[in-house]
Amino acid sequence: AAPGTVVLAPDKVQALGVRTEAVKRGALAAIVRTSGTVAVDETRQYAIAPRFEGWVERLYANQSGMRVRAGQPLLSVYSPQLAAAQQEYRLADETARRLAASDPASAASMSRLRDAARTRLRNWEVSDTQLGKNGLVLSAPADAVVIEKLVVQGARFEAGETILRLADLSTVWVIAKVPAAQAAGLKPGQPARFETVALPGQMVEGEVTFVQPVIDAWEVRSHLGKD
């Protein structure tokens, strides 16, 4: 045999079940099989939480699981604060226009009052097209699904209270529980494949996008052999 060659007797090769392969260069890859949970993409969730208090006059998105399109009305609301600010803006704007030629000083004062009311309304996320209107219609920020409905028609809400939760389900997460011993080899960008008995014969291709920097407490106890 050439120098450096490992030589085994035929009986030892048979007893050990040794198989040989010619040496070649290539990528050394391992497949990790584990269970996972389908979850909403946290970066594609939306909370409908008005910045003012009021009442739900009409609830268009009235059931969980309902699909909505971007710009579609979700609900119309009434708020005394909002109504007062809109009325103040409308009257100040009309007065400023009427006095622009006859009384410039008073028109300027009305313009400042109008601008202050506009700023207050914009802080409440009221668009320019809604400045002079009574009431307010809240619309969907994106194509999404209503995943949580926390109010009913006629209900009162506080400023900052979440009344609807939406999620774009066109892309979802699969959160996999990977044993700690196998997690070290996982990196973002690696290919991933998802199969489920709920969709027999179907397979979804994806990639690893994030690896949690923490380990599940159960996995730590199991790995260390402690209670």
C-alpha atoms as a PDB file:
ATOM      1  CA  ALA A   1       0.000   0.000   0.000  1.00  0.00           C
ATOM      2  CA  ALA A   2       1.110   3.584  -0.633  1.00  0.00           C
ATOM      3  CA  PRO A   3       2.469   5.485   2.391  1.00  0.00           C
ATOM      4  CA  GLY A   4      -0.342   7.058   4.435  1.00  0.00           C
ATOM      5  CA  THR A   5      -2.962   4.527   3.362  1.00  0.00           C
ATOM      6  CA  VAL A   6      -5.033   2.967   6.157  1.00  0.00           C
ATOM      7  CA  VAL A   7      -5.136  -0.779   5.681  1.00  0.00           C
ATOM      8  CA  LEU A   8      -7.601  -3.096   7.404  1.00  0.00           C
ATOM      9  CA  ALA A   9      -7.784  -6.830   7.156  1.00  0.00           C
ATOM     10  CA  PRO A  10     -10.829  -8.104   5.228  1.00  0.00           C
ATOM     11  CA  ASP A  11     -12.279  -9.845   8.299  1.00  0.00           C
ATOM     12  CA  LYS A  12     -12.108  -6.611  10.317  1.00  0.00           C
ATOM     13  CA  VAL A  13     -13.726  -4.622   7.509  1.00  0.00           C
ATOM     14  CA  GLN A  14     -16.580  -7.122   7.447  1.00  0.00           C
ATOM     15  CA  ALA A  15     -16.959  -7.174  11.247  1.00  0.00           C
ATOM     16  CA  LEU A  16     -17.009  -3.371  11.569  1.00  0.00           C
ATOM     17  CA  GLY A  17     -19.269  -2.765   8.587  1.00  0.00           C
ATOM     18  CA  VAL A  18     -16.760  -0.310   7.147  1.00  0.00           C
ATOM     19  CA  ARG A  19     -17.657   1.397   3.881  1.00  0.00           C
ATOM     20  CA  THR A  20     -15.242   3.521   1.917  1.00  0.00           C
ATOM     21  CA  GLU A  21     -15.701   6.542  -0.320  1.00  0.00           C
ATOM     22  CA  ALA A  22     -13.261   8.470  -2.476  1.00  0.00           C
ATOM     23  CA  VAL A  23     -12.193  11.763  -0.910  1.00  0.00           C
ATOM     24  CA  LYS A  24     -13.734  14.865  -2.530  1.00  0.00           C
ATOM     25  CA  ARG A  25     -14.328  18.501  -1.667  1.00  0.00           C
ATOM     26  CA  GLY A  26     -17.854  19.694  -0.912  1.00  0.00           C
ATOM     27  CA  ALA A  27     -20.162  21.356   1.555  1.00  0.00           C
ATOM     28  CA  LEU A  28     -20.746  19.476   4.784  1.00  0.00           C
ATOM     29  CA  ALA A  29     -24.414  19.969   5.701  1.00  0.00           C
ATOM     30  CA  ALA A  30     -26.721  18.494   8.306  1.00  0.00           C
ATOM     31  CA  ILE A  31     -30.515  18.391   8.366  1.00  0.00           C
ATOM     32  CA  VAL A  32     -32.253  19.429  11.584  1.00  0.00           C
ATOM     33  CA  ARG A  33     -35.774  18.063  12.012  1.00  0.00           C
ATOM     34  CA  THR A  34     -37.945  19.603  14.695  1.00  0.00           C
ATOM     35  CA  SER A  35     -41.477  20.720  15.482  1.00  0.00           C
ATOM     36  CA  GLY A  36     -42.652  24.285  15.011  1.00  0.00           C
ATOM     37  CA  THR A  37     -45.591  26.584  15.619  1.00  0.00           C
ATOM     38  CA  VAL A  38     -47.121  28.853  12.984  1.00  0.00           C
ATOM     39  CA  ALA A  39     -47.372  32.390  14.385  1.00  0.00           C
ATOM     40  CA  VAL A  40     -48.247  35.887  13.213  1.00  0.00           C
ATOM     41  CA  ASP A  41     -45.315  37.909  11.870  1.00  0.00           C
ATOM     42  CA  GLU A  42     -44.761  40.442  14.666  1.00  0.00           C
ATOM     43  CA  THR A  43     -43.525  43.041  12.167  1.00  0.00           C
ATOM     44  CA  ARG A  44     -46.851  42.910  10.265  1.00  0.00           C
ATOM     45  CA  GLN A  45     -49.262  43.631  13.105  1.00  0.00           C
ATOM     46  CA  TYR A  46     -51.317  46.812  13.509  1.00  0.00           C
ATOM     47  CA  ALA A  47     -53.148  48.217  16.519  1.00  0.00           C
ATOM     48  CA  ILE A  48     -56.091  50.554  15.963  1.00  0.00           C
ATOM     49  CA  ALA A  49     -55.889  52.807  19.028  1.00  0.00           C
ATOM     50  CA  PRO A  50     -57.353  56.331  18.623  1.00  0.00           C
ATOM     51  CA  ARG A  51     -55.484  59.125  20.405  1.00  0.00           C
ATOM     52  CA  PHE A  52     -58.725  60.616  21.705  1.00  0.00           C
ATOM     53  CA  GLU A  53     -61.667  59.279  23.688  1.00  0.00           C
ATOM     54  CA  GLY A  54     -65.053  58.670  22.125  1.00  0.00           C
ATOM     55  CA  TRP A  55     -67.724  56.180  21.082  1.00  0.00           C
ATOM     56  CA  VAL A  56     -67.982  53.651  18.261  1.00  0.00           C
ATOM     57  CA  GLU A  57     -70.852  54.858  16.073  1.00  0.00           C
ATOM     58  CA  ARG A  58     -70.582  52.198  13.371  1.00  0.00           C
ATOM     59  CA  LEU A  59     -68.369  49.106  13.427  1.00  0.00           C
ATOM     60  CA  TYR A  60     -67.673  47.859   9.909  1.00  0.00           C
ATOM     61  CA  ALA A  61     -64.961  45.346  10.894  1.00  0.00           C
ATOM     62  CA  ASN A  62     -67.346  43.539  13.205  1.00  0.00           C
ATOM     63  CA  GLN A  63     -65.891  40.027  13.431  1.00  0.00           C
ATOM     64  CA  SER A  64     -62.562  38.374  14.093  1.00  0.00           C
ATOM     65  CA  GLY A  65     -61.044  36.706  11.033  1.00  0.00           C
ATOM     66  CA  MET A  66     -62.534  39.287   8.663  1.00  0.00           C
ATOM     67  CA  ARG A  67     -60.269  40.285   5.770  1.00  0.00           C
ATOM     68  CA  VAL A  68     -59.864  43.997   5.048  1.00  0.00           C
ATOM     69  CA  ARG A  69     -58.108  45.923   2.301  1.00  0.00           C
ATOM     70  CA  ALA A  70     -55.838  48.927   2.760  1.00  0.00           C
ATOM     71  CA  GLY A  71     -57.994  52.050   3.088  1.00  0.00           C
ATOM     72  CA  GLN A  72     -61.188  50.101   3.806  1.00  0.00           C
ATOM     73  CA  PRO A  73     -63.323  51.677   6.583  1.00  0.00           C
ATOM     74  CA  LEU A  74     -63.025  49.813   9.888  1.00  0.00           C
ATOM     75  CA  LEU A  75     -65.275  51.953  12.088  1.00  0.00           C
ATOM     76  CA  SER A  76     -66.694  55.437  12.456  1.00  0.00           C
ATOM     77  CA  VAL A  77     -66.310  57.199  15.794  1.00  0.00           C
ATOM     78  CA  TYR A  78     -67.737  60.188  17.612  1.00  0.00           C
ATOM     79  CA  SER A  79     -65.680  62.220  20.060  1.00  0.00           C
ATOM     80  CA  PRO A  80     -66.693  65.509  21.728  1.00  0.00           C
ATOM     81  CA  GLN A  81     -63.009  66.540  21.729  1.00  0.00           C
ATOM     82  CA  LEU A  82     -62.698  65.788  18.057  1.00  0.00           C
ATOM     83  CA  ALA A  83     -65.986  67.471  17.166  1.00  0.00           C
ATOM     84  CA  ALA A  84     -64.999  70.641  19.054  1.00  0.00           C
ATOM     85  CA  ALA A  85     -61.598  70.810  17.355  1.00  0.00           C
ATOM     86  CA  GLN A  86     -63.139  70.231  13.915  1.00  0.00           C
ATOM     87  CA  GLN A  87     -65.764  72.919  14.533  1.00  0.00           C
ATOM     88  CA  GLU A  88     -63.073  75.331  15.737  1.00  0.00           C
ATOM     89  CA  TYR A  89     -61.016  74.663  12.625  1.00  0.00           C
ATOM     90  CA  ARG A  90     -63.982  75.102  10.301  1.00  0.00           C
ATOM     91  CA  LEU A  91     -65.163  78.378  11.852  1.00  0.00           C
ATOM     92  CA  ALA A  92     -61.649  79.845  12.058  1.00  0.00           C
ATOM     93  CA  ASP A  93     -60.970  78.937   8.447  1.00  0.00           C
ATOM     94  CA  GLU A  94     -64.235  80.453   7.206  1.00  0.00           C
ATOM     95  CA  THR A  95     -63.718  83.637   9.244  1.00  0.00           C
ATOM     96  CA  ALA A  96     -60.133  84.044   8.055  1.00  0.00           C
ATOM     97  CA  ARG A  97     -61.265  83.787   4.433  1.00  0.00           C
ATOM     98  CA  ARG A  98     -64.120  86.260   4.947  1.00  0.00           C
ATOM     99  CA  LEU A  99     -61.935  88.888   6.704  1.00  0.00           C
ATOM    100  CA  ALA A 100     -58.871  88.493   4.493  1.00  0.00           C
ATOM    101  CA  ALA A 101     -59.664  91.627   2.453  1.00  0.00           C
ATOM    102  CA  SER A 102     -61.580  93.828   4.942  1.00  0.00           C
ATOM    103  CA  ASP A 103     -59.686  93.182   8.196  1.00  0.00           C
ATOM    104  CA  PRO A 104     -56.224  91.614   7.663  1.00  0.00           C
ATOM    105  CA  ALA A 105     -55.298  91.752  11.377  1.00  0.00           C
ATOM    106  CA  SER A 106     -58.387  89.810  12.458  1.00  0.00           C
ATOM    107  CA  ALA A 107     -57.908  87.418   9.532  1.00  0.00           C
ATOM    108  CA  ALA A 108     -54.351  86.721  10.699  1.00  0.00           C
ATOM    109  CA  SER A 109     -55.615  86.010  14.221  1.00  0.00           C
ATOM    110  CA  MET A 110     -58.218  83.603  12.851  1.00  0.00           C
ATOM    111  CA  SER A 111     -55.546  81.947  10.715  1.00  0.00           C
ATOM    112  CA  ARG A 112     -53.425  81.285  13.809  1.00  0.00           C
ATOM    113  CA  LEU A 113     -56.457  79.821  15.575  1.00  0.00           C
ATOM    114  CA  ARG A 114     -57.181  77.652  12.529  1.00  0.00           C
ATOM    115  CA  ASP A 115     -53.562  76.437  12.380  1.00  0.00           C
ATOM    116  CA  ALA A 116     -53.595  75.562  16.088  1.00  0.00           C
ATOM    117  CA  ALA A 117     -56.773  73.524  15.597  1.00  0.00           C
ATOM    118  CA  ARG A 118     -55.219  71.817  12.546  1.00  0.00           C
ATOM    119  CA  THR A 119     -52.118  70.884  14.562  1.00  0.00           C
ATOM    120  CA  ARG A 120     -54.266  69.423  17.335  1.00  0.00           C
ATOM    121  CA  LEU A 121     -56.251  67.357  14.827  1.00  0.00           C
ATOM    122  CA  ARG A 122     -53.102  66.139  13.085  1.00  0.00           C
ATOM    123  CA  ASN A 123     -51.737  65.062  16.448  1.00  0.00           C
ATOM    124  CA  TRP A 124     -54.863  62.919  16.688  1.00  0.00           C
ATOM    125  CA  GLU A 125     -54.006  61.516  13.223  1.00  0.00           C
ATOM    126  CA  VAL A 126     -56.851  63.292  11.444  1.00  0.00           C
ATOM    127  CA  SER A 127     -55.900  63.818   7.799  1.00  0.00           C
ATOM    128  CA  ASP A 128     -56.354  67.071   5.883  1.00  0.00           C
ATOM    129  CA  THR A 129     -59.308  65.612   3.958  1.00  0.00           C
ATOM    130  CA  GLN A 130     -61.126  65.023   7.262  1.00  0.00           C
ATOM    131  CA  LEU A 131     -60.381  68.381   8.906  1.00  0.00           C
ATOM    132  CA  GLY A 132     -63.714  70.031   8.181  1.00  0.00           C
ATOM    133  CA  LYS A 133     -65.924  66.940   8.487  1.00  0.00           C
ATOM    134  CA  ASN A 134     -68.066  65.845  11.392  1.00  0.00           C
ATOM    135  CA  GLY A 135     -67.024  62.538  12.949  1.00  0.00           C
ATOM    136  CA  LEU A 136     -64.149  60.368  11.825  1.00  0.00           C
ATOM    137  CA  VAL A 137     -63.822  57.104   9.933  1.00  0.00           C
ATOM    138  CA  LEU A 138     -60.806  54.944  10.811  1.00  0.00           C
ATOM    139  CA  SER A 139     -59.451  52.931   7.888  1.00  0.00           C
ATOM    140  CA  ALA A 140     -57.273  49.839   7.555  1.00  0.00           C
ATOM    141  CA  PRO A 141     -53.556  50.710   7.283  1.00  0.00           C
ATOM    142  CA  ALA A 142     -52.820  47.675   5.060  1.00  0.00           C
ATOM    143  CA  ASP A 143     -54.297  44.516   3.581  1.00  0.00           C
ATOM    144  CA  ALA A 144     -54.824  42.434   6.715  1.00  0.00           C
ATOM    145  CA  VAL A 145     -57.062  40.207   8.828  1.00  0.00           C
ATOM    146  CA  VAL A 146     -58.855  41.234  12.018  1.00  0.00           C
ATOM    147  CA  ILE A 147     -57.240  39.005  14.650  1.00  0.00           C
ATOM    148  CA  GLU A 148     -58.782  40.660  17.705  1.00  0.00           C
ATOM    149  CA  LYS A 149     -61.966  42.715  18.092  1.00  0.00           C
ATOM    150  CA  LEU A 150     -62.078  44.409  21.487  1.00  0.00           C
ATOM    151  CA  VAL A 151     -65.173  46.616  21.074  1.00  0.00           C
ATOM    152  CA  VAL A 152     -68.748  46.387  19.891  1.00  0.00           C
ATOM    153  CA  GLN A 153     -70.859  48.983  18.164  1.00  0.00           C
ATOM    154  CA  GLY A 154     -71.846  51.731  20.596  1.00  0.00           C
ATOM    155  CA  ALA A 155     -68.990  51.046  23.020  1.00  0.00           C
ATOM    156  CA  ARG A 156     -66.978  53.843  24.598  1.00  0.00           C
ATOM    157  CA  PHE A 157     -63.176  53.868  24.379  1.00  0.00           C
ATOM    158  CA  GLU A 158     -60.418  55.807  26.144  1.00  0.00           C
ATOM    159  CA  ALA A 159     -57.584  57.687  24.468  1.00  0.00           C
ATOM    160  CA  GLY A 160     -54.863  55.213  23.476  1.00  0.00           C
ATOM    161  CA  GLU A 161     -57.060  52.157  24.039  1.00  0.00           C
ATOM    162  CA  THR A 162     -56.613  49.416  21.448  1.00  0.00           C
ATOM    163  CA  ILE A 163     -59.988  48.609  19.903  1.00  0.00           C
ATOM    164  CA  LEU A 164     -58.901  46.424  16.961  1.00  0.00           C
ATOM    165  CA  ARG A 165     -55.818  44.375  16.157  1.00  0.00           C
ATOM    166  CA  LEU A 166     -54.956  43.546  12.557  1.00  0.00           C
ATOM    167  CA  ALA A 167     -52.287  41.341  11.041  1.00  0.00           C
ATOM    168  CA  ASP A 168     -51.012  40.851   7.520  1.00  0.00           C
ATOM    169  CA  LEU A 169     -51.018  37.065   7.090  1.00  0.00           C
ATOM    170  CA  SER A 170     -49.519  37.013   3.602  1.00  0.00           C
ATOM    171  CA  THR A 171     -46.266  36.066   5.359  1.00  0.00           C
ATOM    172  CA  VAL A 172     -46.184  34.211   8.675  1.00  0.00           C
ATOM    173  CA  TRP A 173     -43.524  32.916  11.036  1.00  0.00           C
ATOM    174  CA  VAL A 174     -42.787  29.318  11.900  1.00  0.00           C
ATOM    175  CA  ILE A 175     -41.181  29.265  15.343  1.00  0.00           C
ATOM    176  CA  ALA A 176     -39.168  26.059  15.678  1.00  0.00           C
ATOM    177  CA  LYS A 177     -38.037  24.468  18.937  1.00  0.00           C
ATOM    178  CA  VAL A 178     -34.497  23.324  18.170  1.00  0.00           C
ATOM    179  CA  PRO A 179     -32.488  21.276  20.705  1.00  0.00           C
ATOM    180  CA  ALA A 180     -29.618  23.283  22.141  1.00  0.00           C
ATOM    181  CA  ALA A 181     -27.086  20.747  20.870  1.00  0.00           C
ATOM    182  CA  GLN A 182     -28.181  21.421  17.275  1.00  0.00           C
ATOM    183  CA  ALA A 183     -28.843  25.159  17.515  1.00  0.00           C
ATOM    184  CA  ALA A 184     -25.179  26.161  17.233  1.00  0.00           C
ATOM    185  CA  GLY A 185     -25.151  25.324  13.528  1.00  0.00           C
ATOM    186  CA  LEU A 186     -28.207  27.442  12.674  1.00  0.00           C
ATOM    187  CA  LYS A 187     -27.687  30.813  10.999  1.00  0.00           C
ATOM    188  CA  PRO A 188     -29.974  33.345   9.281  1.00  0.00           C
ATOM    189  CA  GLY A 189     -30.226  32.753   5.565  1.00  0.00           C
ATOM    190  CA  GLN A 190     -30.125  28.967   5.714  1.00  0.00           C
ATOM    191  CA  PRO A 191     -32.902  27.198   3.770  1.00  0.00           C
ATOM    192  CA  ALA A 192     -35.887  25.866   5.683  1.00  0.00           C
ATOM    193  CA  ARG A 193     -38.811  23.638   4.763  1.00  0.00           C
ATOM    194  CA  PHE A 194     -42.162  23.331   6.499  1.00  0.00           C
ATOM    195  CA  GLU A 195     -44.613  20.436   6.287  1.00  0.00           C
ATOM    196  CA  THR A 196     -47.756  19.737   8.302  1.00  0.00           C
ATOM    197  CA  VAL A 197     -50.330  16.953   8.467  1.00  0.00           C
ATOM    198  CA  ALA A 198     -52.982  19.647   8.080  1.00  0.00           C
ATOM    199  CA  LEU A 199     -51.815  20.133   4.460  1.00  0.00           C
ATOM    200  CA  PRO A 200     -50.884  16.637   3.250  1.00  0.00           C
ATOM    201  CA  GLY A 201     -48.616  16.575   0.240  1.00  0.00           C
ATOM    202  CA  GLN A 202     -47.824  20.287   0.458  1.00  0.00           C
ATOM    203  CA  MET A 203     -44.482  21.792   1.385  1.00  0.00           C
ATOM    204  CA  VAL A 204     -43.530  25.432   1.990  1.00  0.00           C
ATOM    205  CA  GLU A 205     -40.006  26.665   1.323  1.00  0.00           C
ATOM    206  CA  GLY A 206     -38.480  29.474   3.367  1.00  0.00           C
ATOM    207  CA  GLU A 207     -35.315  30.462   5.172  1.00  0.00           C
ATOM    208  CA  VAL A 208     -34.060  31.030   8.688  1.00  0.00           C
ATOM    209  CA  THR A 209     -34.503  34.742   9.421  1.00  0.00           C
ATOM    210  CA  PHE A 210     -33.680  34.944  13.124  1.00  0.00           C
ATOM    211  CA  VAL A 211     -32.100  32.780  15.814  1.00  0.00           C
ATOM    212  CA  GLN A 212     -33.137  33.605  19.372  1.00  0.00           C
ATOM    213  CA  PRO A 213     -30.142  34.546  21.555  1.00  0.00           C
ATOM    214  CA  VAL A 214     -31.707  32.772  24.555  1.00  0.00           C
ATOM    215  CA  ILE A 215     -32.418  29.130  25.358  1.00  0.00           C
ATOM    216  CA  ASP A 216     -35.720  27.803  26.614  1.00  0.00           C
ATOM    217  CA  ALA A 217     -35.496  27.089  30.367  1.00  0.00           C
ATOM    218  CA  TRP A 218     -36.818  23.553  29.815  1.00  0.00           C
ATOM    219  CA  GLU A 219     -34.025  22.886  27.316  1.00  0.00           C
ATOM    220  CA  VAL A 220     -31.431  24.161  29.787  1.00  0.00           C
ATOM    221  CA  ARG A 221     -32.692  21.851  32.536  1.00  0.00           C
ATOM    222  CA  SER A 222     -32.839  18.928  30.139  1.00  0.00           C
ATOM    223  CA  HIS A 223     -29.358  19.614  28.808  1.00  0.00           C
ATOM    224  CA  LEU A 224     -27.862  19.904  32.279  1.00  0.00           C
ATOM    225  CA  GLY A 225     -29.824  16.987  33.686  1.00  0.00           C
ATOM    226  CA  LYS A 226     -31.259  19.026  36.572  1.00  0.00           C
ATOM    227  CA  ASP A 227     -34.816  19.299  37.947  1.00  0.00           C
END
